[in-house]
PDB file of N, CA and C in Angstrom:
ATOM      1  N   MET A   1       1.096  -1.222   0.015  1.00  0.00           N
ATOM      2  CA  MET A   1       0.221  -0.190  -0.005  1.00  0.00           C
ATOM      3  C   MET A   1       1.270   1.500   0.208  1.00  0.00           C
ATOM      4  N   ALA A   2       0.387   2.337  -0.785  1.00  0.00           N
ATOM      5  CA  ALA A   2       1.302   3.319  -1.034  1.00  0.00           C
ATOM      6  C   ALA A   2       0.504   4.516   0.509  1.00  0.00           C
ATOM      7  N   THR A   3       1.949   4.705   1.188  1.00  0.00           N
ATOM      8  CA  THR A   3       1.786   5.549   2.029  1.00  0.00           C
ATOM      9  C   THR A   3       1.836   7.049   1.962  1.00  0.00           C
ATOM     10  N   ILE A   4       1.593   8.057   2.868  1.00  0.00           N
ATOM     11  CA  ILE A   4       1.240   9.179   2.395  1.00  0.00           C
ATOM     12  C   ILE A   4       3.409   9.582   2.404  1.00  0.00           C
ATOM     13  N   ARG A   5       3.995   9.101   3.386  1.00  0.00           N
ATOM     14  CA  ARG A   5       5.163   9.200   3.468  1.00  0.00           C
ATOM     15  C   ARG A   5       5.856   8.425   1.996  1.00  0.00           C
ATOM     16  N   ASN A   6       5.328   7.464   1.208  1.00  0.00           N
ATOM     17  CA  ASN A   6       5.979   6.925  -0.046  1.00  0.00           C
ATOM     18  C   ASN A   6       5.485   8.232  -0.742  1.00  0.00           C
ATOM     19  N   LEU A   7       4.668   8.443  -0.951  1.00  0.00           N
ATOM     20  CA  LEU A   7       3.914   9.784  -1.896  1.00  0.00           C
ATOM     21  C   LEU A   7       5.039  10.761  -1.997  1.00  0.00           C
ATOM     22  N   LYS A   8       5.246  11.430  -0.632  1.00  0.00           N
ATOM     23  CA  LYS A   8       6.065  12.279  -0.444  1.00  0.00           C
ATOM     24  C   LYS A   8       7.577  12.298  -0.967  1.00  0.00           C
ATOM     25  N   ILE A   9       7.895  10.931  -0.430  1.00  0.00           N
ATOM     26  CA  ILE A   9       9.754  10.628  -0.713  1.00  0.00           C
ATOM     27  C   ILE A   9       9.556  10.973  -2.644  1.00  0.00           C
ATOM     28  N   LYS A  10       8.601   9.983  -2.874  1.00  0.00           N
ATOM     29  CA  LYS A  10       8.841  10.081  -4.588  1.00  0.00           C
ATOM     30  C   LYS A  10       8.369  11.314  -5.096  1.00  0.00           C
ATOM     31  N   SER A  11       7.621  11.793  -4.936  1.00  0.00           N
ATOM     32  CA  SER A  11       7.433  13.411  -5.503  1.00  0.00           C
ATOM     33  C   SER A  11       8.683  14.179  -5.241  1.00  0.00           C
ATOM     34  N   GLY A  12       8.969  14.285  -4.115  1.00  0.00           N
ATOM     35  CA  GLY A  12      10.264  15.271  -3.582  1.00  0.00           C
ATOM     36  C   GLY A  12      11.488  14.319  -4.613  1.00  0.00           C
ATOM     37  N   THR A  13      11.530  13.266  -4.813  1.00  0.00           N
ATOM     38  CA  THR A  13      12.432  12.647  -5.755  1.00  0.00           C
ATOM     39  C   THR A  13      12.392  13.293  -7.172  1.00  0.00           C
ATOM     40  N   CYS A  14      11.345  13.282  -7.660  1.00  0.00           N
ATOM     41  CA  CYS A  14      10.852  14.033  -9.028  1.00  0.00           C
ATOM     42  C   CYS A  14      11.188  15.501  -8.958  1.00  0.00           C
ATOM     43  N   LYS A  15      11.280  16.104  -8.037  1.00  0.00           N
ATOM     44  CA  LYS A  15      11.314  17.915  -7.594  1.00  0.00           C
ATOM     45  C   LYS A  15      12.999  17.973  -7.534  1.00  0.00           C
ATOM     46  N   ARG A  16      13.396  17.036  -6.941  1.00  0.00           N
ATOM     47  CA  ARG A  16      14.930  17.030  -7.054  1.00  0.00           C
ATOM     48  C   ARG A  16      15.751  17.038  -8.168  1.00  0.00           C
ATOM     49  N   ILE A  17      15.145  15.749  -8.887  1.00  0.00           N
ATOM     50  CA  ILE A  17      15.911  15.575 -10.466  1.00  0.00           C
ATOM     51  C   ILE A  17      15.071  16.982 -11.454  1.00  0.00           C
ATOM     52  N   ILE A  18      14.481  17.548 -11.111  1.00  0.00           N
ATOM     53  CA  ILE A  18      13.696  18.824 -12.112  1.00  0.00           C
ATOM     54  C   ILE A  18      14.884  20.088 -11.584  1.00  0.00           C
ATOM     55  N   LYS A  19      15.115  19.939 -10.320  1.00  0.00           N
ATOM     56  CA  LYS A  19      16.067  21.406 -10.001  1.00  0.00           C
ATOM     57  C   LYS A  19      17.534  20.679 -10.587  1.00  0.00           C
ATOM     58  N   GLU A  20      18.030  19.844 -10.525  1.00  0.00           N
ATOM     59  CA  GLU A  20      19.191  19.120 -11.213  1.00  0.00           C
ATOM     60  C   GLU A  20      19.233  19.264 -12.523  1.00  0.00           C
ATOM     61  N   LEU A  21      18.197  18.992 -12.986  1.00  0.00           N
ATOM     62  CA  LEU A  21      18.166  19.105 -14.796  1.00  0.00           C
ATOM     63  C   LEU A  21      18.011  20.601 -15.158  1.00  0.00           C
ATOM     64  N   HIS A  22      17.492  21.462 -14.104  1.00  0.00           N
ATOM     65  CA  HIS A  22      17.347  23.065 -14.762  1.00  0.00           C
ATOM     66  C   HIS A  22      18.872  23.630 -14.419  1.00  0.00           C
ATOM     67  N   SER A  23      19.440  23.274 -13.256  1.00  0.00           N
ATOM     68  CA  SER A  23      21.012  23.384 -13.092  1.00  0.00           C
ATOM     69  C   SER A  23      21.643  22.647 -14.024  1.00  0.00           C
ATOM     70  N   TYR A  24      21.923  21.709 -14.804  1.00  0.00           N
ATOM     71  CA  TYR A  24      22.443  21.473 -15.953  1.00  0.00           C
ATOM     72  C   TYR A  24      22.446  22.239 -16.773  1.00  0.00           C
ATOM     73  N   GLU A  25      21.294  22.611 -16.979  1.00  0.00           N
ATOM     74  CA  GLU A  25      20.871  23.504 -18.555  1.00  0.00           C
ATOM     75  C   GLU A  25      21.544  24.563 -18.190  1.00  0.00           C
ATOM     76  N   LYS A  26      21.488  25.046 -17.189  1.00  0.00           N
ATOM     77  CA  LYS A  26      22.218  26.636 -16.636  1.00  0.00           C
ATOM     78  C   LYS A  26      23.610  26.506 -16.956  1.00  0.00           C
ATOM     79  N   GLU A  27      24.070  25.483 -16.396  1.00  0.00           N
ATOM     80  CA  GLU A  27      25.217  25.085 -16.843  1.00  0.00           C
ATOM     81  C   GLU A  27      25.777  25.067 -18.000  1.00  0.00           C
ATOM     82  N   VAL A  28      25.157  24.199 -19.075  1.00  0.00           N
ATOM     83  CA  VAL A  28      25.675  24.179 -20.328  1.00  0.00           C
ATOM     84  C   VAL A  28      25.730  25.634 -21.090  1.00  0.00           C
ATOM     85  N   GLU A  29      24.523  26.067 -20.803  1.00  0.00           N
ATOM     86  CA  GLU A  29      24.553  27.518 -21.331  1.00  0.00           C
ATOM     87  C   GLU A  29      25.601  28.674 -21.017  1.00  0.00           C
ATOM     88  N   ARG A  30      25.718  28.370 -19.434  1.00  0.00           N
ATOM     89  CA  ARG A  30      27.344  29.032 -19.046  1.00  0.00           C
ATOM     90  C   ARG A  30      28.648  28.653 -19.461  1.00  0.00           C
ATOM     91  N   GLU A  31      28.750  27.658 -19.561  1.00  0.00           N
ATOM     92  CA  GLU A  31      29.870  27.077 -19.938  1.00  0.00           C
ATOM     93  C   GLU A  31      30.035  27.288 -21.785  1.00  0.00           C
ATOM     94  N   ALA A  32      28.908  27.080 -22.796  1.00  0.00           N
ATOM     95  CA  ALA A  32      29.092  27.488 -24.003  1.00  0.00           C
ATOM     96  C   ALA A  32      29.473  29.078 -23.889  1.00  0.00           C
ATOM     97  N   ALA A  33      29.007  29.846 -23.432  1.00  0.00           N
ATOM     98  CA  ALA A  33      29.222  31.231 -23.535  1.00  0.00           C
ATOM     99  C   ALA A  33      30.623  31.495 -23.013  1.00  0.00           C
ATOM    100  N   LYS A  34      31.159  30.682 -22.003  1.00  0.00           N
ATOM    101  CA  LYS A  34      32.631  30.682 -21.762  1.00  0.00           C
ATOM    102  C   LYS A  34      33.802  30.264 -22.766  1.00  0.00           C
ATOM    103  N   THR A  35      32.709  28.947 -23.841  1.00  0.00           N
ATOM    104  CA  THR A  35      33.603  28.285 -24.714  1.00  0.00           C
ATOM    105  C   THR A  35      33.925  29.386 -25.850  1.00  0.00           C
ATOM    106  N   ALA A  36      32.647  29.693 -26.126  1.00  0.00           N
ATOM    107  CA  ALA A  36      32.901  30.740 -27.163  1.00  0.00           C
ATOM    108  C   ALA A  36      33.918  31.788 -26.704  1.00  0.00           C
ATOM    109  N   ASP A  37      33.526  32.541 -25.805  1.00  0.00           N
ATOM    110  CA  ASP A  37      34.455  33.759 -25.459  1.00  0.00           C
ATOM    111  C   ASP A  37      35.968  33.192 -25.571  1.00  0.00           C
ATOM    112  N   MET A  38      36.128  32.059 -25.317  1.00  0.00           N
ATOM    113  CA  MET A  38      37.777  31.592 -25.276  1.00  0.00           C
ATOM    114  C   MET A  38      38.071  31.611 -26.633  1.00  0.00           C
ATOM    115  N   LYS A  39      37.147  30.681 -27.415  1.00  0.00           N
ATOM    116  CA  LYS A  39      37.639  30.738 -28.998  1.00  0.00           C
ATOM    117  C   LYS A  39      37.723  31.920 -29.595  1.00  0.00           C
ATOM    118  N   GLU A  40      36.737  33.089 -29.204  1.00  0.00           N
ATOM    119  CA  GLU A  40      36.894  34.770 -29.858  1.00  0.00           C
ATOM    120  C   GLU A  40      38.214  35.040 -29.201  1.00  0.00           C
ATOM    121  N   LYS A  41      38.595  34.959 -28.188  1.00  0.00           N
ATOM    122  CA  LYS A  41      39.599  35.554 -27.535  1.00  0.00           C
ATOM    123  C   LYS A  41      41.226  34.842 -28.125  1.00  0.00           C
ATOM    124  N   GLY A  42      40.875  33.980 -28.832  1.00  0.00           N
ATOM    125  CA  GLY A  42      42.420  33.146 -29.369  1.00  0.00           C
ATOM    126  C   GLY A  42      42.846  32.028 -28.274  1.00  0.00           C
ATOM    127  N   ALA A  43      42.064  31.594 -27.600  1.00  0.00           N
ATOM    128  CA  ALA A  43      42.910  31.306 -26.003  1.00  0.00           C
ATOM    129  C   ALA A  43      43.618  29.935 -26.314  1.00  0.00           C
ATOM    130  N   ASP A  44      44.473  29.206 -25.453  1.00  0.00           N
ATOM    131  CA  ASP A  44      45.505  28.511 -25.854  1.00  0.00           C
ATOM    132  C   ASP A  44      44.683  27.158 -26.244  1.00  0.00           C
ATOM    133  N   PRO A  45      45.444  26.548 -27.172  1.00  0.00           N
ATOM    134  CA  PRO A  45      44.412  25.454 -27.584  1.00  0.00           C
ATOM    135  C   PRO A  45      43.891  24.166 -26.392  1.00  0.00           C
ATOM    136  N   TYR A  46      44.922  24.239 -25.559  1.00  0.00           N
ATOM    137  CA  TYR A  46      45.054  23.062 -24.465  1.00  0.00           C
ATOM    138  C   TYR A  46      44.168  23.712 -23.281  1.00  0.00           C
ATOM    139  N   ASP A  47      43.817  24.828 -22.831  1.00  0.00           N
ATOM    140  CA  ASP A  47      42.519  25.147 -22.424  1.00  0.00           C
ATOM    141  C   ASP A  47      41.423  24.946 -22.842  1.00  0.00           C
ATOM    142  N   LEU A  48      41.231  25.604 -24.263  1.00  0.00           N
ATOM    143  CA  LEU A  48      40.198  25.175 -25.253  1.00  0.00           C
ATOM    144  C   LEU A  48      39.543  23.823 -25.229  1.00  0.00           C
ATOM    145  N   LYS A  49      40.383  23.117 -25.083  1.00  0.00           N
ATOM    146  CA  LYS A  49      39.988  21.686 -25.351  1.00  0.00           C
ATOM    147  C   LYS A  49      39.229  21.199 -24.238  1.00  0.00           C
ATOM    148  N   GLN A  50      40.272  21.729 -23.166  1.00  0.00           N
ATOM    149  CA  GLN A  50      39.394  21.251 -21.624  1.00  0.00           C
ATOM    150  C   GLN A  50      38.300  22.100 -21.398  1.00  0.00           C
ATOM    151  N   GLN A  51      37.987  23.106 -21.858  1.00  0.00           N
ATOM    152  CA  GLN A  51      36.972  24.065 -21.858  1.00  0.00           C
ATOM    153  C   GLN A  51      35.907  23.234 -22.446  1.00  0.00           C
ATOM    154  N   GLU A  52      36.143  22.571 -23.433  1.00  0.00           N
ATOM    155  CA  GLU A  52      35.006  21.850 -24.682  1.00  0.00           C
ATOM    156  C   GLU A  52      34.786  20.547 -23.670  1.00  0.00           C
ATOM    157  N   ASN A  53      35.898  19.992 -23.043  1.00  0.00           N
ATOM    158  CA  ASN A  53      35.473  18.618 -22.433  1.00  0.00           C
ATOM    159  C   ASN A  53      34.482  19.079 -21.398  1.00  0.00           C
ATOM    160  N   VAL A  54      34.805  20.123 -20.331  1.00  0.00           N
ATOM    161  CA  VAL A  54      33.658  20.535 -19.553  1.00  0.00           C
ATOM    162  C   VAL A  54      32.303  20.442 -20.147  1.00  0.00           C
ATOM    163  N   LEU A  55      32.252  21.152 -21.368  1.00  0.00           N
ATOM    164  CA  LEU A  55      30.922  21.630 -21.749  1.00  0.00           C
ATOM    165  C   LEU A  55      30.289  20.459 -22.089  1.00  0.00           C
ATOM    166  N   ALA A  56      31.220  19.475 -22.621  1.00  0.00           N
ATOM    167  CA  ALA A  56      30.688  17.909 -23.426  1.00  0.00           C
ATOM    168  C   ALA A  56      30.085  17.203 -22.222  1.00  0.00           C
ATOM    169  N   GLU A  57      30.829  17.159 -21.084  1.00  0.00           N
ATOM    170  CA  GLU A  57      30.443  16.532 -19.717  1.00  0.00           C
ATOM    171  C   GLU A  57      28.818  17.121 -19.535  1.00  0.00           C
ATOM    172  N   SER A  58      28.608  18.632 -19.396  1.00  0.00           N
ATOM    173  CA  SER A  58      27.491  18.960 -18.888  1.00  0.00           C
ATOM    174  C   SER A  58      26.414  18.650 -19.923  1.00  0.00           C
ATOM    175  N   ARG A  59      26.435  18.564 -20.951  1.00  0.00           N
ATOM    176  CA  ARG A  59      25.653  18.030 -22.282  1.00  0.00           C
ATOM    177  C   ARG A  59      25.048  16.747 -21.910  1.00  0.00           C
ATOM    178  N   MET A  60      26.395  15.702 -21.733  1.00  0.00           N
ATOM    179  CA  MET A  60      26.136  14.447 -21.431  1.00  0.00           C
ATOM    180  C   MET A  60      24.737  14.288 -19.952  1.00  0.00           C
ATOM    181  N   MET A  61      25.094  15.191 -19.474  1.00  0.00           N
ATOM    182  CA  MET A  61      24.427  14.824 -18.127  1.00  0.00           C
ATOM    183  C   MET A  61      23.046  15.209 -18.302  1.00  0.00           C
ATOM    184  N   ILE A  62      22.467  15.983 -19.242  1.00  0.00           N
ATOM    185  CA  ILE A  62      21.000  16.523 -19.701  1.00  0.00           C
ATOM    186  C   ILE A  62      20.148  15.160 -19.999  1.00  0.00           C
ATOM    187  N   PRO A  63      20.579  14.405 -21.069  1.00  0.00           N
ATOM    188  CA  PRO A  63      19.898  13.335 -21.215  1.00  0.00           C
ATOM    189  C   PRO A  63      19.699  12.142 -20.095  1.00  0.00           C
ATOM    190  N   ASP A  64      20.759  12.477 -18.967  1.00  0.00           N
ATOM    191  CA  ASP A  64      20.789  11.347 -18.386  1.00  0.00           C
ATOM    192  C   ASP A  64      19.801  11.695 -17.263  1.00  0.00           C
ATOM    193  N   CYS A  65      19.353  13.189 -16.825  1.00  0.00           N
ATOM    194  CA  CYS A  65      18.853  13.884 -15.809  1.00  0.00           C
ATOM    195  C   CYS A  65      17.104  13.446 -16.473  1.00  0.00           C
ATOM    196  N   ARG A  66      16.932  13.487 -17.342  1.00  0.00           N
ATOM    197  CA  ARG A  66      15.484  13.406 -18.342  1.00  0.00           C
ATOM    198  C   ARG A  66      15.242  11.981 -18.123  1.00  0.00           C
ATOM    199  N   LYS A  67      16.054  10.882 -18.562  1.00  0.00           N
ATOM    200  CA  LYS A  67      15.946   9.409 -18.501  1.00  0.00           C
ATOM    201  C   LYS A  67      15.252   9.132 -16.642  1.00  0.00           C
ATOM    202  N   ARG A  68      16.347   9.774 -15.927  1.00  0.00           N
ATOM    203  CA  ARG A  68      15.996   9.353 -14.638  1.00  0.00           C
ATOM    204  C   ARG A  68      14.541  10.095 -13.905  1.00  0.00           C
ATOM    205  N   LEU A  69      14.240  11.062 -14.626  1.00  0.00           N
ATOM    206  CA  LEU A  69      13.020  12.003 -14.115  1.00  0.00           C
ATOM    207  C   LEU A  69      11.785  11.344 -14.620  1.00  0.00           C
ATOM    208  N   GLU A  70      11.991  10.650 -15.845  1.00  0.00           N
ATOM    209  CA  GLU A  70      10.924  10.073 -16.555  1.00  0.00           C
ATOM    210  C   GLU A  70      10.770   8.485 -15.758  1.00  0.00           C
ATOM    211  N   ALA A  71      11.811   7.910 -15.214  1.00  0.00           N
ATOM    212  CA  ALA A  71      11.492   6.688 -14.425  1.00  0.00           C
ATOM    213  C   ALA A  71      10.962   6.987 -13.218  1.00  0.00           C
ATOM    214  N   SER A  72      11.668   8.367 -12.351  1.00  0.00           N
ATOM    215  CA  SER A  72      10.855   8.598 -11.304  1.00  0.00           C
ATOM    216  C   SER A  72       9.450   8.903 -11.573  1.00  0.00           C
ATOM    217  N   LEU A  73       9.178   9.842 -12.716  1.00  0.00           N
ATOM    218  CA  LEU A  73       7.622   9.835 -12.838  1.00  0.00           C
ATOM    219  C   LEU A  73       7.046   8.789 -12.842  1.00  0.00           C
ATOM    220  N   ALA A  74       7.514   7.570 -13.734  1.00  0.00           N
ATOM    221  CA  ALA A  74       6.507   6.450 -13.655  1.00  0.00           C
ATOM    222  C   ALA A  74       6.573   5.950 -12.597  1.00  0.00           C
ATOM    223  N   ASP A  75       7.365   5.825 -11.602  1.00  0.00           N
ATOM    224  CA  ASP A  75       7.131   5.288 -10.425  1.00  0.00           C
ATOM    225  C   ASP A  75       6.458   5.911  -9.536  1.00  0.00           C
ATOM    226  N   LEU A  76       6.097   7.370  -9.682  1.00  0.00           N
ATOM    227  CA  LEU A  76       5.368   8.378  -8.935  1.00  0.00           C
ATOM    228  C   LEU A  76       3.722   7.677  -9.072  1.00  0.00           C
ATOM    229  N   LYS A  77       3.817   7.711 -10.740  1.00  0.00           N
ATOM    230  CA  LYS A  77       2.300   7.642 -11.033  1.00  0.00           C
ATOM    231  C   LYS A  77       1.701   6.231 -10.968  1.00  0.00           C
ATOM    232  N   GLY A  78       2.881   4.907 -10.656  1.00  0.00           N
ATOM    233  CA  GLY A  78       2.170   3.734 -10.286  1.00  0.00           C
ATOM    234  C   GLY A  78       1.784   3.729  -9.064  1.00  0.00           C
ATOM    235  N   THR A  79       2.559   4.461  -8.383  1.00  0.00           N
ATOM    236  CA  THR A  79       2.426   4.354  -6.773  1.00  0.00           C
ATOM    237  C   THR A  79       0.993   5.160  -6.531  1.00  0.00           C
ATOM    238  N   LEU A  80       0.825   6.347  -7.604  1.00  0.00           N
ATOM    239  CA  LEU A  80      -0.412   7.076  -7.295  1.00  0.00           C
ATOM    240  C   LEU A  80      -1.665   6.023  -8.019  1.00  0.00           C
ATOM    241  N   GLU A  81      -1.620   5.652  -9.085  1.00  0.00           N
ATOM    242  CA  GLU A  81      -2.576   4.675  -9.466  1.00  0.00           C
ATOM    243  C   GLU A  81      -2.735   3.248  -8.255  1.00  0.00           C
ATOM    244  N   LEU A  82      -1.795   3.179  -7.535  1.00  0.00           N
ATOM    245  CA  LEU A  82      -1.809   1.714  -6.698  1.00  0.00           C
ATOM    246  C   LEU A  82      -2.927   2.257  -5.534  1.00  0.00           C
ATOM    247  N   HIS A  83      -2.187   3.671  -5.035  1.00  0.00           N
ATOM    248  CA  HIS A  83      -3.317   4.351  -4.141  1.00  0.00           C
ATOM    249  C   HIS A  83      -4.709   4.631  -4.090  1.00  0.00           C
ATOM    250  N   GLU A  84      -4.761   4.987  -5.559  1.00  0.00           N
ATOM    251  CA  GLU A  84      -6.366   5.275  -5.688  1.00  0.00           C
ATOM    252  C   GLU A  84      -7.326   3.841  -6.080  1.00  0.00           C
ATOM    253  N   ARG A  85      -6.766   2.965  -6.721  1.00  0.00           N
ATOM    254  CA  ARG A  85      -7.430   1.590  -6.579  1.00  0.00           C
ATOM    255  C   ARG A  85      -7.541   1.144  -5.048  1.00  0.00           C
ATOM    256  N   PHE A  86      -6.481   1.212  -4.114  1.00  0.00           N
ATOM    257  CA  PHE A  86      -6.669   0.780  -3.236  1.00  0.00           C
ATOM    258  C   PHE A  86      -7.981   1.621  -2.159  1.00  0.00           C
ATOM    259  N   THR A  87      -7.908   2.668  -2.190  1.00  0.00           N
ATOM    260  CA  THR A  87      -8.946   3.499  -1.742  1.00  0.00           C
ATOM    261  C   THR A  87     -10.132   3.549  -2.200  1.00  0.00           C
ATOM    262  N   ASP A  88     -10.241   2.807  -3.775  1.00  0.00           N
ATOM    263  CA  ASP A  88     -11.565   2.788  -3.952  1.00  0.00           C
ATOM    264  C   ASP A  88     -11.975   1.620  -3.526  1.00  0.00           C
ATOM    265  N   LEU A  89     -11.581   0.622  -2.924  1.00  0.00           N
ATOM    266  CA  LEU A  89     -12.240  -0.565  -2.345  1.00  0.00           C
ATOM    267  C   LEU A  89     -13.008  -0.182  -1.290  1.00  0.00           C
ATOM    268  N   PRO A  90     -13.895  -1.282  -0.854  1.00  0.00           N
ATOM    269  CA  PRO A  90     -14.579  -1.042   0.036  1.00  0.00           C
ATOM    270  C   PRO A  90     -14.119  -1.444   1.079  1.00  0.00           C
ATOM    271  N   SER A  91     -14.776  -0.555   2.562  1.00  0.00           N
ATOM    272  CA  SER A  91     -13.740  -0.533   3.638  1.00  0.00           C
ATOM    273  C   SER A  91     -13.900  -2.576   4.149  1.00  0.00           C
ATOM    274  N   HIS A  92     -14.306  -3.093   4.043  1.00  0.00           N
ATOM    275  CA  HIS A  92     -14.184  -4.293   4.422  1.00  0.00           C
ATOM    276  C   HIS A  92     -13.278  -5.252   3.567  1.00  0.00           C
ATOM    277  N   VAL A  93     -12.781  -4.854   2.432  1.00  0.00           N
ATOM    278  CA  VAL A  93     -12.121  -5.617   1.615  1.00  0.00           C
ATOM    279  C   VAL A  93     -10.713  -5.190   1.887  1.00  0.00           C
ATOM    280  N   LYS A  94     -10.768  -3.742   2.629  1.00  0.00           N
ATOM    281  CA  LYS A  94      -9.019  -3.326   2.802  1.00  0.00           C
ATOM    282  C   LYS A  94      -8.473  -3.957   3.766  1.00  0.00           C
ATOM    283  N   LYS A  95      -9.662  -4.376   5.131  1.00  0.00           N
ATOM    284  CA  LYS A  95      -9.047  -4.870   6.235  1.00  0.00           C
ATOM    285  C   LYS A  95      -8.499  -6.285   5.896  1.00  0.00           C
ATOM    286  N   ALA A  96      -9.002  -6.903   5.215  1.00  0.00           N
ATOM    287  CA  ALA A  96      -8.797  -8.373   4.696  1.00  0.00           C
ATOM    288  C   ALA A  96      -7.424  -8.830   4.419  1.00  0.00           C
TER     289      ALA A  96
END
């Protein structure tokens, strides 16, 4: 049975992953601007390569976060459906 505590945990997980996703999206914007600025200023090729690696790593995290969010949302929806089905049962069936 889905308890309120479980629902809070699962919804909290979704909120945390959404925050993390937004954080990575902002990081990609920030790092892309920094990379473009370095290219414009003609930065050292090694430094530029390192910055491009940082940007690539940030970009790789976005699909991962989306996948985890989808899984977390599916888990939450499943728990909600289970809870709704259980609460729709007559009271004498719940006690059994």
